[in-house]
């Protein structure tokens, strides 16, 4: 297995700081310490916290886009890919790698709410694609909003489903997509 790049180590360290210590603890010094690099080493890649957070969001949005790009061409395929890219098949804790996206978005909101504009644009594009996925746009939007709410509940600890309910709820959403694709 290849070693992560220095930027990947910095991204992972920043996400670890956010998940373990909270947004107020996201400082360049804390990230450098967690990554085991000097502040100068961090500044080489990211001269400001805003630059680090923006790069994290770009990286994670690209990973999400790559997952969505795997969608097939049948009705509901993009919606299925959206669920699969957002909610893991099996229950995980919020420290799972899939939740690094959550950490990056939290960082954006804390550092500079204006940085959310590129994400708003991506969500609008995803919504448009979901509405044109060959299923009833209302059904596609209902599933997307359920998935987005579930994602937020996991991040904030707002009563996310436990392991058994997690798997049953995810299966229910996937079955709802299948039903919408047949109608």
N, C-alpha and C. Protein backbone atom coordinates (compact mmCIF):
# COMPACT_ATOMS: atom_id res chain seq x y z
N UNK A 1 0.85 -1.18 0.00
CA UNK A 1 0.00 0.00 0.00
C UNK A 1 0.89 1.24 0.00
N UNK A 2 0.68 2.18 -0.94
CA UNK A 2 1.54 3.35 -1.01
C UNK A 2 1.33 4.27 0.18
N UNK A 3 2.39 4.97 0.53
CA UNK A 3 2.30 5.93 1.63
C UNK A 3 1.49 7.13 1.17
N UNK A 4 0.70 7.71 2.08
CA UNK A 4 -0.06 8.90 1.69
C UNK A 4 0.88 10.06 1.41
N UNK A 5 0.47 10.93 0.49
CA UNK A 5 1.28 12.11 0.19
C UNK A 5 1.29 13.04 1.40
N UNK A 6 2.22 13.99 1.38
CA UNK A 6 2.29 14.93 2.50
C UNK A 6 1.00 15.74 2.60
N UNK A 7 0.40 16.09 1.46
CA UNK A 7 -0.87 16.82 1.51
C UNK A 7 -1.97 15.94 2.11
N UNK A 8 -2.01 14.67 1.71
CA UNK A 8 -3.01 13.76 2.27
C UNK A 8 -2.86 13.65 3.79
N UNK A 9 -1.61 13.56 4.25
CA UNK A 9 -1.38 13.50 5.70
C UNK A 9 -1.90 14.77 6.38
N UNK A 10 -1.70 15.92 5.74
CA UNK A 10 -2.20 17.17 6.31
C UNK A 10 -3.72 17.21 6.31
N UNK A 11 -4.34 16.76 5.22
CA UNK A 11 -5.80 16.71 5.17
C UNK A 11 -6.34 15.79 6.27
N UNK A 12 -5.74 14.62 6.39
CA UNK A 12 -6.19 13.66 7.40
C UNK A 12 -5.98 14.21 8.81
N UNK A 13 -4.86 14.89 9.02
CA UNK A 13 -4.59 15.48 10.34
C UNK A 13 -5.63 16.56 10.66
N UNK A 14 -5.96 17.39 9.68
CA UNK A 14 -6.97 18.43 9.90
C UNK A 14 -8.32 17.81 10.23
N UNK A 15 -8.70 16.77 9.51
CA UNK A 15 -9.96 16.08 9.80
C UNK A 15 -9.92 15.46 11.19
N UNK A 16 -8.80 14.87 11.56
CA UNK A 16 -8.67 14.28 12.90
C UNK A 16 -8.84 15.34 13.99
N UNK A 17 -8.22 16.50 13.79
CA UNK A 17 -8.37 17.59 14.77
C UNK A 17 -9.84 17.99 14.89
N UNK A 18 -10.51 18.15 13.76
CA UNK A 18 -11.93 18.53 13.78
C UNK A 18 -12.78 17.49 14.50
N UNK A 19 -12.55 16.23 14.17
CA UNK A 19 -13.39 15.18 14.74
C UNK A 19 -13.10 14.92 16.21
N UNK A 20 -11.87 15.08 16.61
CA UNK A 20 -11.53 14.75 18.00
C UNK A 20 -11.57 15.94 18.95
N UNK A 21 -11.34 17.16 18.43
CA UNK A 21 -11.24 18.31 19.32
C UNK A 21 -12.24 19.42 19.02
N UNK A 22 -12.92 19.34 17.89
CA UNK A 22 -13.90 20.36 17.55
C UNK A 22 -13.32 21.45 16.67
N UNK A 23 -14.23 22.20 16.06
CA UNK A 23 -13.84 23.23 15.10
C UNK A 23 -12.99 24.34 15.67
N UNK A 24 -13.23 24.71 16.91
CA UNK A 24 -12.44 25.79 17.50
C UNK A 24 -10.97 25.40 17.66
N UNK A 25 -10.68 24.14 17.61
CA UNK A 25 -9.30 23.67 17.76
C UNK A 25 -8.57 23.54 16.42
N UNK A 26 -9.25 23.81 15.33
CA UNK A 26 -8.60 23.69 14.02
C UNK A 26 -7.70 24.91 13.81
N UNK A 27 -6.43 24.73 14.14
CA UNK A 27 -5.42 25.75 13.89
C UNK A 27 -4.33 25.11 13.06
N UNK A 28 -3.57 25.94 12.37
CA UNK A 28 -2.47 25.38 11.58
C UNK A 28 -1.46 24.69 12.48
N UNK A 29 -1.23 25.24 13.67
CA UNK A 29 -0.31 24.62 14.62
C UNK A 29 -0.80 23.22 15.03
N UNK A 30 -2.10 23.10 15.32
CA UNK A 30 -2.66 21.79 15.72
C UNK A 30 -2.56 20.78 14.58
N UNK A 31 -2.80 21.24 13.35
CA UNK A 31 -2.72 20.34 12.19
C UNK A 31 -1.28 19.89 11.97
N UNK A 32 -0.33 20.83 12.05
CA UNK A 32 1.08 20.47 11.87
C UNK A 32 1.51 19.46 12.92
N UNK A 33 1.12 19.69 14.16
CA UNK A 33 1.49 18.78 15.25
C UNK A 33 0.89 17.39 15.00
N UNK A 34 -0.40 17.34 14.66
CA UNK A 34 -1.06 16.05 14.43
C UNK A 34 -0.43 15.31 13.25
N UNK A 35 -0.01 16.06 12.22
CA UNK A 35 0.59 15.44 11.03
C UNK A 35 2.05 15.10 11.23
N UNK A 36 2.65 15.62 12.31
CA UNK A 36 4.06 15.36 12.56
C UNK A 36 4.97 16.13 11.62
N UNK A 37 4.56 17.33 11.24
CA UNK A 37 5.39 18.18 10.38
C UNK A 37 5.59 19.53 11.07
N UNK A 38 6.58 20.27 10.60
CA UNK A 38 6.80 21.61 11.13
C UNK A 38 5.73 22.54 10.59
N UNK A 39 5.53 23.66 11.27
CA UNK A 39 4.59 24.65 10.74
C UNK A 39 5.06 25.15 9.37
N UNK A 40 6.36 25.26 9.19
CA UNK A 40 6.89 25.66 7.89
C UNK A 40 6.53 24.65 6.80
N UNK A 41 6.57 23.37 7.15
CA UNK A 41 6.17 22.33 6.20
C UNK A 41 4.71 22.46 5.82
N UNK A 42 3.88 22.80 6.80
CA UNK A 42 2.46 23.01 6.52
C UNK A 42 2.26 24.27 5.68
N UNK A 43 2.96 25.35 6.05
CA UNK A 43 2.83 26.62 5.31
C UNK A 43 3.27 26.48 3.86
N UNK A 44 4.19 25.56 3.59
CA UNK A 44 4.64 25.34 2.22
C UNK A 44 3.45 24.98 1.33
N UNK A 45 2.57 24.14 1.86
CA UNK A 45 1.40 23.69 1.11
C UNK A 45 0.19 24.61 1.29
N UNK A 46 0.01 25.11 2.50
CA UNK A 46 -1.18 25.88 2.84
C UNK A 46 -0.79 27.07 3.72
N UNK A 47 -0.69 28.26 3.13
CA UNK A 47 -0.24 29.42 3.90
C UNK A 47 -1.27 29.93 4.92
N UNK A 48 -2.54 29.53 4.75
CA UNK A 48 -3.58 29.97 5.68
C UNK A 48 -4.51 28.80 5.99
N UNK A 49 -5.26 28.95 7.05
CA UNK A 49 -6.25 27.95 7.40
C UNK A 49 -7.32 27.87 6.31
N UNK A 50 -7.69 29.02 5.76
CA UNK A 50 -8.68 29.04 4.69
C UNK A 50 -8.20 28.25 3.47
N UNK A 51 -6.91 28.37 3.16
CA UNK A 51 -6.36 27.61 2.03
C UNK A 51 -6.42 26.11 2.30
N UNK A 52 -6.11 25.71 3.52
CA UNK A 52 -6.17 24.30 3.89
C UNK A 52 -7.60 23.78 3.79
N UNK A 53 -8.53 24.51 4.36
CA UNK A 53 -9.92 24.07 4.35
C UNK A 53 -10.46 24.02 2.92
N UNK A 54 -10.15 25.04 2.13
CA UNK A 54 -10.60 25.03 0.73
C UNK A 54 -10.06 23.83 -0.03
N UNK A 55 -8.80 23.51 0.19
CA UNK A 55 -8.20 22.35 -0.48
C UNK A 55 -8.82 21.04 0.01
N UNK A 56 -9.15 20.97 1.30
CA UNK A 56 -9.81 19.77 1.83
C UNK A 56 -11.16 19.57 1.14
N UNK A 57 -11.91 20.64 1.04
CA UNK A 57 -13.23 20.54 0.43
C UNK A 57 -13.10 20.16 -1.04
N UNK A 58 -12.14 20.77 -1.75
CA UNK A 58 -11.93 20.41 -3.16
C UNK A 58 -11.61 18.93 -3.29
N UNK A 59 -10.72 18.45 -2.45
CA UNK A 59 -10.31 17.04 -2.51
C UNK A 59 -11.49 16.11 -2.25
N UNK A 60 -12.26 16.43 -1.23
CA UNK A 60 -13.35 15.56 -0.84
C UNK A 60 -14.53 15.65 -1.81
N UNK A 61 -14.76 16.82 -2.35
CA UNK A 61 -15.81 16.96 -3.35
C UNK A 61 -15.44 16.17 -4.60
N UNK A 62 -14.17 16.21 -4.97
CA UNK A 62 -13.71 15.43 -6.12
C UNK A 62 -13.92 13.94 -5.87
N UNK A 63 -13.60 13.48 -4.67
CA UNK A 63 -13.81 12.06 -4.35
C UNK A 63 -15.29 11.69 -4.45
N UNK A 64 -16.16 12.59 -3.99
CA UNK A 64 -17.60 12.34 -4.08
C UNK A 64 -18.03 12.33 -5.55
N UNK A 65 -17.54 13.29 -6.31
CA UNK A 65 -17.85 13.34 -7.75
C UNK A 65 -17.37 12.07 -8.46
N UNK A 66 -16.18 11.59 -8.08
CA UNK A 66 -15.66 10.36 -8.68
C UNK A 66 -16.58 9.18 -8.38
N UNK A 67 -17.10 9.12 -7.16
CA UNK A 67 -18.03 8.04 -6.80
C UNK A 67 -19.32 8.16 -7.61
N UNK A 68 -19.81 9.38 -7.78
CA UNK A 68 -21.04 9.57 -8.55
C UNK A 68 -20.83 9.25 -10.04
N UNK A 69 -19.63 9.46 -10.51
CA UNK A 69 -19.32 9.19 -11.92
C UNK A 69 -19.43 7.70 -12.25
N UNK A 70 -19.44 6.86 -11.24
CA UNK A 70 -19.56 5.42 -11.45
C UNK A 70 -21.00 4.99 -11.71
N UNK A 71 -21.94 5.94 -11.61
CA UNK A 71 -23.35 5.61 -11.80
C UNK A 71 -23.60 5.09 -13.21
N UNK A 72 -24.48 4.14 -13.30
CA UNK A 72 -24.87 3.61 -14.60
C UNK A 72 -25.82 4.55 -15.30
N UNK A 73 -26.49 4.04 -16.32
CA UNK A 73 -27.37 4.86 -17.13
C UNK A 73 -28.84 4.49 -17.00
N UNK A 74 -29.15 3.54 -16.13
CA UNK A 74 -30.53 3.12 -15.94
C UNK A 74 -31.24 4.08 -14.98
N UNK A 75 -32.57 4.16 -15.08
CA UNK A 75 -33.29 5.03 -14.15
C UNK A 75 -32.93 4.72 -12.69
N UNK A 76 -32.62 5.77 -11.95
CA UNK A 76 -32.29 5.64 -10.53
C UNK A 76 -30.83 5.36 -10.24
N UNK A 77 -30.02 5.11 -11.24
CA UNK A 77 -28.61 4.76 -11.00
C UNK A 77 -27.83 5.90 -10.33
N UNK A 78 -28.08 7.13 -10.75
CA UNK A 78 -27.36 8.25 -10.13
C UNK A 78 -27.81 8.41 -8.68
N UNK A 79 -29.09 8.24 -8.43
CA UNK A 79 -29.61 8.32 -7.06
C UNK A 79 -29.02 7.22 -6.19
N UNK A 80 -28.92 6.02 -6.73
CA UNK A 80 -28.29 4.92 -5.97
C UNK A 80 -26.83 5.26 -5.64
N UNK A 81 -26.13 5.82 -6.63
CA UNK A 81 -24.73 6.20 -6.40
C UNK A 81 -24.63 7.29 -5.34
N UNK A 82 -25.59 8.20 -5.31
CA UNK A 82 -25.61 9.26 -4.30
C UNK A 82 -25.75 8.66 -2.90
N UNK A 83 -26.67 7.71 -2.76
CA UNK A 83 -26.83 7.04 -1.47
C UNK A 83 -25.55 6.29 -1.11
N UNK A 84 -25.02 5.52 -2.05
CA UNK A 84 -23.82 4.71 -1.77
C UNK A 84 -22.62 5.57 -1.42
N UNK A 85 -22.50 6.74 -2.03
CA UNK A 85 -21.36 7.62 -1.76
C UNK A 85 -21.52 8.39 -0.45
N UNK A 86 -22.73 8.45 0.06
CA UNK A 86 -22.99 9.25 1.26
C UNK A 86 -23.14 8.40 2.51
N UNK A 87 -23.87 7.31 2.41
CA UNK A 87 -24.19 6.47 3.57
C UNK A 87 -23.55 5.10 3.37
N UNK A 88 -22.58 4.75 4.23
CA UNK A 88 -21.95 3.43 4.07
C UNK A 88 -22.97 2.30 4.26
N UNK A 89 -22.69 1.18 3.61
CA UNK A 89 -23.59 0.04 3.70
C UNK A 89 -23.73 -0.46 5.14
N UNK A 90 -22.65 -0.46 5.85
CA UNK A 90 -22.65 -0.90 7.25
C UNK A 90 -22.47 0.31 8.16
N UNK A 91 -23.03 0.22 9.34
CA UNK A 91 -22.92 1.28 10.34
C UNK A 91 -21.45 1.53 10.69
N UNK A 92 -21.07 2.78 10.78
CA UNK A 92 -19.73 3.16 11.19
C UNK A 92 -19.83 4.29 12.20
N UNK A 93 -18.71 4.58 12.85
CA UNK A 93 -18.68 5.72 13.75
C UNK A 93 -18.32 6.96 12.94
N UNK A 94 -18.41 8.13 13.55
CA UNK A 94 -18.11 9.37 12.83
C UNK A 94 -16.63 9.57 12.59
N UNK A 95 -15.78 8.65 13.07
CA UNK A 95 -14.36 8.76 12.76
C UNK A 95 -13.98 7.95 11.53
N UNK A 96 -14.98 7.34 10.89
CA UNK A 96 -14.72 6.55 9.69
C UNK A 96 -14.24 7.46 8.56
N UNK A 97 -13.41 6.94 7.66
CA UNK A 97 -12.92 7.77 6.55
C UNK A 97 -14.03 8.43 5.74
N UNK A 98 -15.18 7.79 5.61
CA UNK A 98 -16.27 8.38 4.84
C UNK A 98 -16.75 9.70 5.45
N UNK A 99 -16.53 9.89 6.72
CA UNK A 99 -17.00 11.10 7.37
C UNK A 99 -15.97 12.23 7.32
N UNK A 100 -14.88 12.05 6.60
CA UNK A 100 -13.93 13.14 6.41
C UNK A 100 -14.59 14.29 5.66
N UNK A 101 -15.53 13.97 4.77
CA UNK A 101 -16.26 15.01 4.06
C UNK A 101 -16.98 15.90 5.07
N UNK A 102 -17.62 15.27 6.02
CA UNK A 102 -18.33 16.01 7.04
C UNK A 102 -17.40 16.95 7.78
N UNK A 103 -16.24 16.45 8.14
CA UNK A 103 -15.27 17.28 8.85
C UNK A 103 -14.84 18.48 8.01
N UNK A 104 -14.63 18.26 6.73
CA UNK A 104 -14.22 19.37 5.86
C UNK A 104 -15.32 20.41 5.73
N UNK A 105 -16.55 19.97 5.61
CA UNK A 105 -17.65 20.92 5.49
C UNK A 105 -17.82 21.71 6.79
N UNK A 106 -17.69 21.04 7.90
CA UNK A 106 -17.76 21.73 9.18
C UNK A 106 -16.66 22.79 9.25
N UNK A 107 -15.48 22.44 8.81
CA UNK A 107 -14.37 23.40 8.82
C UNK A 107 -14.69 24.61 7.95
N UNK A 108 -15.28 24.40 6.80
CA UNK A 108 -15.62 25.51 5.91
C UNK A 108 -16.59 26.46 6.61
N UNK A 109 -17.61 25.90 7.22
CA UNK A 109 -18.60 26.74 7.88
C UNK A 109 -17.99 27.55 9.01
N UNK A 110 -17.04 26.97 9.71
CA UNK A 110 -16.42 27.65 10.83
C UNK A 110 -15.41 28.70 10.40
N UNK A 111 -14.70 28.43 9.32
CA UNK A 111 -13.65 29.34 8.88
C UNK A 111 -14.22 30.51 8.09
N UNK A 112 -15.05 30.24 7.12
CA UNK A 112 -15.57 31.30 6.26
C UNK A 112 -16.81 30.81 5.56
N UNK A 113 -17.99 31.21 6.04
CA UNK A 113 -19.23 30.73 5.42
C UNK A 113 -19.32 31.03 3.92
N UNK A 114 -18.65 32.06 3.43
CA UNK A 114 -18.68 32.35 1.99
C UNK A 114 -18.05 31.21 1.19
N UNK A 115 -17.18 30.42 1.82
CA UNK A 115 -16.55 29.30 1.14
C UNK A 115 -17.54 28.20 0.79
N UNK A 116 -18.74 28.29 1.33
CA UNK A 116 -19.76 27.29 1.00
C UNK A 116 -20.32 27.47 -0.40
N UNK A 117 -20.09 28.60 -1.04
CA UNK A 117 -20.68 28.85 -2.37
C UNK A 117 -20.33 27.76 -3.38
N UNK A 118 -19.05 27.33 -3.49
CA UNK A 118 -18.77 26.24 -4.44
C UNK A 118 -19.54 24.96 -4.11
N UNK A 119 -19.77 24.70 -2.83
CA UNK A 119 -20.55 23.51 -2.45
C UNK A 119 -22.02 23.69 -2.80
N UNK A 120 -22.53 24.89 -2.59
CA UNK A 120 -23.91 25.15 -2.99
C UNK A 120 -24.09 24.88 -4.48
N UNK A 121 -23.12 25.30 -5.27
CA UNK A 121 -23.17 25.07 -6.71
C UNK A 121 -23.14 23.57 -7.02
N UNK A 122 -22.28 22.81 -6.32
CA UNK A 122 -22.21 21.37 -6.56
C UNK A 122 -23.51 20.69 -6.16
N UNK A 123 -24.06 21.07 -4.99
CA UNK A 123 -25.32 20.47 -4.56
C UNK A 123 -26.43 20.79 -5.55
N UNK A 124 -26.45 22.01 -6.09
CA UNK A 124 -27.46 22.36 -7.10
C UNK A 124 -27.29 21.48 -8.34
N UNK A 125 -26.06 21.25 -8.75
CA UNK A 125 -25.81 20.39 -9.92
C UNK A 125 -26.22 18.95 -9.62
N UNK A 126 -25.90 18.46 -8.42
CA UNK A 126 -26.30 17.10 -8.07
C UNK A 126 -27.82 16.98 -8.03
N UNK A 127 -28.48 18.00 -7.47
CA UNK A 127 -29.94 17.97 -7.42
C UNK A 127 -30.52 17.95 -8.82
N UNK A 128 -29.97 18.76 -9.71
CA UNK A 128 -30.46 18.77 -11.10
C UNK A 128 -30.27 17.40 -11.74
N UNK A 129 -29.14 16.78 -11.49
CA UNK A 129 -28.87 15.45 -12.06
C UNK A 129 -29.81 14.41 -11.46
N UNK A 130 -30.08 14.50 -10.15
CA UNK A 130 -31.00 13.57 -9.51
C UNK A 130 -32.41 13.73 -10.08
N UNK A 131 -32.82 14.96 -10.31
CA UNK A 131 -34.15 15.21 -10.85
C UNK A 131 -34.30 14.72 -12.28
N UNK A 132 -33.18 14.47 -12.93
CA UNK A 132 -33.18 14.00 -14.32
C UNK A 132 -32.64 12.56 -14.41
N UNK A 133 -32.91 11.77 -13.36
CA UNK A 133 -32.34 10.42 -13.27
C UNK A 133 -33.30 9.34 -13.74
N UNK A 134 -34.39 9.74 -14.38
CA UNK A 134 -35.31 8.74 -14.90
C UNK A 134 -36.33 8.26 -13.89
N UNK A 135 -36.38 8.87 -12.73
CA UNK A 135 -37.40 8.56 -11.73
C UNK A 135 -38.14 9.85 -11.41
N UNK A 136 -39.27 9.72 -10.74
CA UNK A 136 -40.04 10.89 -10.35
C UNK A 136 -39.12 11.86 -9.59
N UNK A 137 -38.99 13.10 -10.05
CA UNK A 137 -38.11 14.06 -9.38
C UNK A 137 -38.45 14.27 -7.91
N UNK A 138 -39.74 14.16 -7.55
CA UNK A 138 -40.11 14.30 -6.14
C UNK A 138 -39.57 13.13 -5.33
N UNK A 139 -39.63 11.92 -5.89
CA UNK A 139 -39.08 10.75 -5.19
C UNK A 139 -37.57 10.88 -5.06
N UNK A 140 -36.90 11.31 -6.12
CA UNK A 140 -35.44 11.48 -6.07
C UNK A 140 -35.06 12.53 -5.03
N UNK A 141 -35.81 13.63 -4.99
CA UNK A 141 -35.51 14.69 -4.02
C UNK A 141 -35.78 14.22 -2.60
N UNK A 142 -36.85 13.47 -2.40
CA UNK A 142 -37.16 12.96 -1.06
C UNK A 142 -36.03 12.06 -0.55
N UNK A 143 -35.53 11.19 -1.42
CA UNK A 143 -34.41 10.31 -1.02
C UNK A 143 -33.18 11.15 -0.74
N UNK A 144 -32.87 12.10 -1.61
CA UNK A 144 -31.69 12.95 -1.40
C UNK A 144 -31.77 13.70 -0.08
N UNK A 145 -32.93 14.27 0.22
CA UNK A 145 -33.06 15.00 1.48
C UNK A 145 -32.97 14.08 2.69
N UNK A 146 -33.51 12.86 2.57
CA UNK A 146 -33.36 11.89 3.66
C UNK A 146 -31.89 11.55 3.86
N UNK A 147 -31.18 11.33 2.78
CA UNK A 147 -29.76 10.99 2.86
C UNK A 147 -28.96 12.15 3.45
N UNK A 148 -29.22 13.37 2.96
CA UNK A 148 -28.51 14.53 3.49
C UNK A 148 -28.79 14.75 4.97
N UNK A 149 -30.04 14.55 5.38
CA UNK A 149 -30.39 14.68 6.80
C UNK A 149 -29.72 13.61 7.64
N UNK A 150 -29.67 12.39 7.14
CA UNK A 150 -29.02 11.29 7.83
C UNK A 150 -27.55 11.60 8.02
N UNK A 151 -26.93 12.09 6.95
CA UNK A 151 -25.52 12.46 6.97
C UNK A 151 -25.27 13.51 8.06
N UNK A 152 -26.13 14.54 8.13
CA UNK A 152 -25.98 15.58 9.15
C UNK A 152 -26.21 15.01 10.55
N UNK A 153 -27.18 14.12 10.69
CA UNK A 153 -27.45 13.52 12.01
C UNK A 153 -26.25 12.72 12.50
N UNK A 154 -25.57 12.04 11.59
CA UNK A 154 -24.37 11.28 11.98
C UNK A 154 -23.28 12.24 12.45
N UNK A 155 -23.10 13.33 11.72
CA UNK A 155 -22.07 14.31 12.07
C UNK A 155 -22.32 14.91 13.44
N UNK A 156 -23.56 15.33 13.68
CA UNK A 156 -23.87 16.08 14.89
C UNK A 156 -24.33 15.20 16.05
N UNK A 157 -24.42 13.90 15.81
CA UNK A 157 -24.86 13.01 16.88
C UNK A 157 -26.31 13.24 17.26
N UNK A 158 -27.14 13.61 16.28
CA UNK A 158 -28.54 13.91 16.53
C UNK A 158 -29.40 12.67 16.30
N UNK A 159 -29.20 11.67 17.13
CA UNK A 159 -29.99 10.45 17.04
C UNK A 159 -29.78 9.65 15.77
N UNK A 160 -28.53 9.48 15.33
CA UNK A 160 -28.33 8.65 14.14
C UNK A 160 -28.73 7.21 14.45
N UNK A 161 -29.18 6.48 13.43
CA UNK A 161 -29.59 5.10 13.68
C UNK A 161 -28.42 4.22 14.10
N UNK A 162 -28.71 3.27 14.99
CA UNK A 162 -27.71 2.29 15.39
C UNK A 162 -27.48 1.29 14.27
N UNK A 163 -26.61 0.30 14.51
CA UNK A 163 -26.24 -0.63 13.44
C UNK A 163 -27.41 -1.33 12.75
N UNK A 164 -28.36 -1.90 13.49
CA UNK A 164 -29.46 -2.63 12.86
C UNK A 164 -30.38 -1.69 12.08
N UNK A 165 -30.72 -0.57 12.69
CA UNK A 165 -31.60 0.38 12.03
C UNK A 165 -30.90 1.05 10.85
N UNK A 166 -29.61 1.26 10.97
CA UNK A 166 -28.83 1.84 9.87
C UNK A 166 -29.00 1.00 8.61
N UNK A 167 -28.72 -0.29 8.74
CA UNK A 167 -28.78 -1.16 7.58
C UNK A 167 -30.20 -1.29 7.03
N UNK A 168 -31.19 -1.36 7.92
CA UNK A 168 -32.58 -1.46 7.47
C UNK A 168 -33.05 -0.18 6.78
N UNK A 169 -32.66 0.95 7.30
CA UNK A 169 -33.06 2.23 6.70
C UNK A 169 -32.40 2.43 5.35
N UNK A 170 -31.14 2.09 5.25
CA UNK A 170 -30.44 2.21 3.97
C UNK A 170 -31.09 1.29 2.93
N UNK A 171 -31.39 0.08 3.35
CA UNK A 171 -32.05 -0.88 2.44
C UNK A 171 -33.41 -0.32 2.00
N UNK A 172 -34.16 0.29 2.93
CA UNK A 172 -35.45 0.88 2.60
C UNK A 172 -35.30 1.96 1.54
N UNK A 173 -34.30 2.83 1.69
CA UNK A 173 -34.07 3.88 0.70
C UNK A 173 -33.72 3.29 -0.67
N UNK A 174 -32.88 2.28 -0.68
CA UNK A 174 -32.51 1.66 -1.96
C UNK A 174 -33.73 0.98 -2.61
N UNK A 175 -34.58 0.37 -1.80
CA UNK A 175 -35.82 -0.23 -2.33
C UNK A 175 -36.76 0.84 -2.85
N UNK A 176 -36.80 1.99 -2.18
CA UNK A 176 -37.64 3.10 -2.65
C UNK A 176 -37.15 3.59 -4.02
N UNK A 177 -35.85 3.61 -4.21
CA UNK A 177 -35.32 3.99 -5.51
C UNK A 177 -35.73 2.96 -6.56
N UNK A 178 -35.62 1.68 -6.22
CA UNK A 178 -36.01 0.62 -7.15
C UNK A 178 -37.50 0.76 -7.53
N UNK A 179 -38.35 1.04 -6.54
CA UNK A 179 -39.79 1.20 -6.83
C UNK A 179 -40.01 2.42 -7.75
N UNK A 180 -39.33 3.51 -7.45
CA UNK A 180 -39.48 4.72 -8.28
C UNK A 180 -38.98 4.48 -9.70
N UNK A 181 -37.94 3.67 -9.83
CA UNK A 181 -37.39 3.39 -11.17
C UNK A 181 -38.33 2.51 -11.98
N UNK A 182 -39.14 1.69 -11.32
CA UNK A 182 -40.10 0.82 -12.03
C UNK A 182 -41.37 1.58 -12.43
N UNK A 183 -41.70 2.63 -11.70
CA UNK A 183 -42.95 3.38 -11.97
C UNK A 183 -42.86 4.23 -13.20
